[in-house]
Protein backbone atom coordinates (compact mmCIF):
# COMPACT_ATOMS: atom_id res chain seq x y z
CA MET A 1 -12.95 -1.67 0.27
CA ASN A 2 -15.37 -4.08 -1.35
CA ALA A 3 -14.49 -7.73 -1.91
CA MET A 4 -13.15 -7.17 -5.45
CA CYS A 5 -10.91 -4.29 -4.35
CA GLU A 6 -9.67 -6.35 -1.41
CA ALA A 7 -8.83 -9.32 -3.64
CA ILE A 8 -6.89 -7.16 -6.09
CA SER A 9 -5.12 -5.32 -3.29
CA LYS A 10 -4.03 -8.61 -1.75
CA ILE A 11 -2.26 -9.56 -4.99
CA GLY A 12 -0.67 -6.10 -5.22
CA VAL A 13 0.00 -5.90 -8.95
CA VAL A 14 -2.33 -5.90 -11.95
CA PRO A 15 -0.89 -6.76 -15.38
CA VAL A 16 -2.26 -4.35 -18.00
CA ILE A 17 -2.57 -6.35 -21.18
CA LYS A 18 -3.02 -5.58 -24.87
CA LEU A 19 -3.63 -8.77 -26.84
CA ASN A 20 -3.54 -8.61 -30.62
CA HIS A 21 -4.06 -12.35 -31.05
CA PRO A 22 -6.36 -13.52 -28.23
CA GLU A 23 -7.11 -16.91 -29.79
CA ARG A 24 -3.39 -17.72 -29.75
CA ASP A 25 -2.13 -15.92 -26.67
CA ALA A 26 -4.89 -15.49 -24.07
CA ALA A 27 -4.84 -19.01 -22.65
CA PRO A 28 -1.05 -19.44 -22.25
CA LEU A 29 -0.79 -15.89 -20.88
CA ALA A 30 -3.41 -16.63 -18.24
CA ARG A 31 -1.52 -19.75 -17.22
CA ALA A 32 1.78 -17.84 -17.07
CA LEU A 33 0.36 -15.10 -14.85
CA CYS A 34 -1.25 -17.56 -12.46
CA ALA A 35 1.95 -19.63 -12.31
CA GLY A 36 3.77 -16.47 -11.25
CA GLY A 37 1.38 -15.78 -8.40
CA VAL A 38 -0.47 -12.95 -10.17
CA PRO A 39 -3.96 -14.34 -10.91
CA VAL A 40 -5.36 -11.04 -12.16
CA ALA A 41 -5.42 -9.20 -15.47
CA GLU A 42 -6.70 -5.95 -16.93
CA VAL A 43 -7.36 -6.66 -20.60
CA THR A 44 -7.48 -3.37 -22.46
CA PHE A 45 -9.93 -2.48 -25.18
CA ARG A 46 -7.06 -0.80 -27.05
CA ALA A 47 -6.92 -3.99 -29.11
CA ALA A 48 -9.72 -5.61 -31.06
CA GLY A 49 -10.83 -8.86 -29.55
CA ALA A 50 -10.49 -7.75 -25.92
CA ALA A 51 -13.79 -9.32 -24.97
CA LYS A 52 -12.73 -12.58 -26.60
CA ALA A 53 -9.46 -12.49 -24.63
CA ILE A 54 -11.36 -11.97 -21.38
CA ALA A 55 -13.62 -14.93 -22.09
CA ILE A 56 -10.70 -17.20 -23.00
CA MET A 57 -8.69 -16.25 -19.90
CA LYS A 58 -11.67 -16.87 -17.62
CA ALA A 59 -12.33 -20.23 -19.27
CA GLU A 60 -8.67 -21.26 -18.98
CA CYS A 61 -8.25 -20.11 -15.37
CA PRO A 62 -11.70 -19.83 -13.76
CA ASP A 63 -10.35 -18.59 -10.42
CA MET A 64 -8.44 -15.75 -12.05
CA ILE A 65 -9.71 -12.17 -11.65
CA VAL A 66 -10.10 -10.71 -15.14
CA GLY A 67 -11.24 -7.18 -15.88
CA ALA A 68 -11.49 -4.80 -18.80
CA GLY A 69 -9.32 -1.72 -19.27
CA THR A 70 -9.41 1.38 -21.48
CA VAL A 71 -13.19 1.21 -21.39
CA LEU A 72 -14.68 4.34 -22.97
CA THR A 73 -18.36 3.55 -23.57
CA SER A 74 -21.32 1.82 -21.97
CA GLU A 75 -21.37 -0.53 -24.95
CA GLN A 76 -17.85 -1.66 -24.07
CA VAL A 77 -18.94 -2.19 -20.47
CA ASP A 78 -21.73 -4.47 -21.70
CA GLU A 79 -19.37 -6.31 -24.02
CA ALA A 80 -16.83 -6.83 -21.25
CA LEU A 81 -19.42 -8.04 -18.75
CA ALA A 82 -20.90 -10.45 -21.28
CA ALA A 83 -17.42 -11.93 -21.70
CA GLY A 84 -17.04 -12.41 -17.95
CA ALA A 85 -15.16 -9.27 -16.87
CA GLN A 86 -15.19 -8.75 -13.10
CA PHE A 87 -14.07 -5.13 -12.99
CA ILE A 88 -13.89 -2.13 -15.30
CA VAL A 89 -11.06 0.39 -15.66
CA THR A 90 -11.50 3.70 -17.47
CA PRO A 91 -8.60 5.98 -18.49
CA GLY A 92 -10.37 9.10 -17.23
CA MET A 93 -13.10 10.22 -14.86
CA ASP A 94 -16.40 9.92 -16.72
CA PRO A 95 -19.18 10.23 -14.10
CA ASP A 96 -21.83 8.90 -16.47
CA LEU A 97 -19.77 5.80 -17.24
CA VAL A 98 -19.02 5.25 -13.55
CA ARG A 99 -22.74 5.46 -12.76
CA TYR A 100 -23.46 2.98 -15.53
CA CYS A 101 -21.00 0.53 -13.98
CA GLN A 102 -22.61 1.07 -10.59
CA ILE A 103 -26.03 0.32 -12.07
CA LYS A 104 -24.53 -2.87 -13.52
CA ASP A 105 -23.09 -3.65 -10.06
CA VAL A 106 -19.53 -4.01 -11.30
CA THR A 107 -16.47 -2.49 -9.61
CA VAL A 108 -15.05 0.41 -11.59
CA PHE A 109 -11.68 2.13 -11.30
CA PRO A 110 -11.74 5.49 -13.13
CA GLY A 111 -8.53 7.27 -14.05
CA CYS A 112 -8.04 10.22 -11.68
CA THR A 113 -5.10 12.60 -11.24
CA THR A 114 -6.60 15.96 -10.28
CA PRO A 115 -8.56 17.39 -7.33
CA THR A 116 -11.55 17.72 -9.64
CA ASP A 117 -11.31 14.01 -10.55
CA TYR A 118 -11.02 13.03 -6.91
CA HIS A 119 -13.96 15.23 -5.93
CA SER A 120 -16.12 13.60 -8.60
CA ALA A 121 -15.06 10.18 -7.32
CA TYR A 122 -15.96 11.23 -3.78
CA LYS A 123 -19.47 12.25 -4.86
CA LEU A 124 -19.85 8.92 -6.64
CA GLY A 125 -18.97 6.98 -3.50
CA LEU A 126 -15.86 5.29 -4.89
CA GLU A 127 -13.15 3.73 -2.72
CA VAL A 128 -10.27 2.90 -5.08
CA LEU A 129 -9.12 5.06 -7.97
CA LYS A 130 -6.82 4.42 -10.89
CA PHE A 131 -4.07 7.05 -10.90
CA PHE A 132 -3.14 7.37 -14.57
CA PRO A 133 -0.66 8.10 -16.02
CA ALA A 134 1.12 7.73 -12.69
CA GLU A 135 4.74 8.67 -13.26
CA GLN A 136 3.91 11.38 -15.78
CA SER A 137 1.39 12.92 -13.38
CA GLY A 138 3.70 13.27 -10.40
CA GLY A 139 3.94 9.72 -9.09
CA LEU A 140 3.86 8.86 -5.42
CA ALA A 141 4.64 12.44 -4.36
CA LYS A 142 1.43 13.69 -5.97
CA ILE A 143 -0.57 10.73 -4.68
CA LYS A 144 0.52 11.62 -1.14
CA ALA A 145 -0.31 15.29 -1.70
CA MET A 146 -3.76 14.40 -3.01
CA SER A 147 -4.44 12.26 0.04
CA ALA A 148 -4.43 15.32 2.31
CA PRO A 149 -7.84 16.62 1.18
CA PHE A 150 -9.01 13.15 0.07
CA PRO A 151 -7.85 10.64 2.71
CA MET A 152 -10.75 8.29 1.97
CA PHE A 153 -9.24 6.87 -1.22
CA LYS A 154 -6.86 4.05 -1.98
CA VAL A 155 -5.06 4.37 -5.30
CA MET A 156 -4.01 2.03 -8.11
CA PRO A 157 -1.20 3.82 -9.98
CA THR A 158 -0.67 2.77 -13.58
CA GLY A 159 1.76 4.20 -16.13
CA GLY A 160 5.50 4.09 -15.70
CA VAL A 161 5.42 1.44 -12.97
CA SER A 162 8.26 -1.09 -13.19
CA LEU A 163 10.29 -3.46 -11.06
CA LYS A 164 12.52 -0.48 -10.22
CA ASN A 165 9.85 1.64 -8.55
CA LEU A 166 7.24 -0.96 -7.59
CA ALA A 167 8.52 -1.18 -4.01
CA ASP A 168 8.31 2.59 -3.56
CA TYR A 169 4.66 2.55 -4.53
CA VAL A 170 3.38 -0.53 -2.73
CA SER A 171 5.15 0.35 0.52
CA SER A 172 2.76 3.30 0.86
CA PRO A 173 -0.50 2.60 2.72
CA LEU A 174 -2.25 4.75 0.10
CA ILE A 175 -1.62 2.17 -2.62
CA ALA A 176 -4.13 -0.62 -3.14
CA ALA A 177 -2.18 -2.20 -6.01
CA CYS A 178 -0.06 -1.16 -8.98
CA GLY A 179 -1.02 -1.63 -12.59
CA GLY A 180 1.78 -2.35 -15.02
CA SER A 181 2.64 -3.71 -18.44
CA TYR A 182 6.31 -4.47 -17.80
CA MET A 183 5.56 -8.15 -17.22
CA VAL A 184 3.32 -8.42 -20.29
CA THR A 185 5.11 -6.40 -22.98
CA ALA A 186 4.41 -6.96 -26.67
CA ASP A 187 7.82 -8.59 -27.07
CA LEU A 188 7.15 -11.10 -24.31
CA ILE A 189 3.69 -11.98 -25.59
CA ASP A 190 4.37 -11.99 -29.33
CA ASN A 191 7.43 -14.20 -28.84
CA ASN A 192 5.68 -16.60 -26.46
CA LYS A 193 8.06 -15.90 -23.60
CA TRP A 194 5.66 -17.35 -21.06
CA ASP A 195 8.37 -18.47 -18.65
CA GLU A 196 9.82 -14.95 -18.56
CA ILE A 197 6.37 -13.53 -17.82
CA THR A 198 6.00 -15.99 -14.96
CA GLU A 199 9.41 -15.01 -13.56
CA LEU A 200 8.60 -11.28 -13.76
CA CYS A 201 5.37 -11.97 -11.90
CA LYS A 202 7.23 -13.92 -9.21
CA LYS A 203 9.68 -11.03 -8.80
CA SER A 204 6.78 -8.59 -8.53
CA VAL A 205 5.03 -10.69 -5.89
CA GLN A 206 8.25 -10.88 -3.87
CA ILE A 207 8.71 -7.12 -4.07
CA VAL A 208 5.14 -6.54 -2.87
CA LYS A 209 5.61 -8.99 -0.01
CA GLU A 210 8.85 -7.40 1.15
CA ALA A 211 7.61 -3.82 0.74
CA ARG A 212 4.48 -4.49 2.77
CA GLY A 213 6.40 -6.33 5.46
């Protein structure tokens, strides 16, 4: 794995964030995540102002790894990179978009759940794939099945991951890290429950540590 993949894998969990009010929430959220031992964030372009949120989080916590999620176009890649994004996550396997990210020399995690997706990723020389939506697509059982013909990949499952099944995922050597929104729900963010976010992050870090031995 490259240095970015290694850094994310070492943390073990990636909060998947939708921020409706980046000017208000991005800075305290960044501090809460870092305080909980999870200095990484995937800020999704499902909400307007994602690029602004990325820039604010990087300014508030310069050592934090901040990337962009739900990226659908090359224009969004450019916008994210201009804001300081360090990795790109796409919901599906778009070879053209992956190649664009490679030209821009930024790590990209495309959403892959089928043999066709995996084969495309193999031809593109990728190492770590986003497995999305994880639980709805067969979860760890399918990830293990897919590893038979494609043993070269590590996987970052996202979708349906929670404190209840996090250990099951991260205990597998196939898993680089897990993406999740359970520690950054709309309720927690909108109601400024920063301490609760920090505690959920701490619990997640402990689960990862114990599961990986």
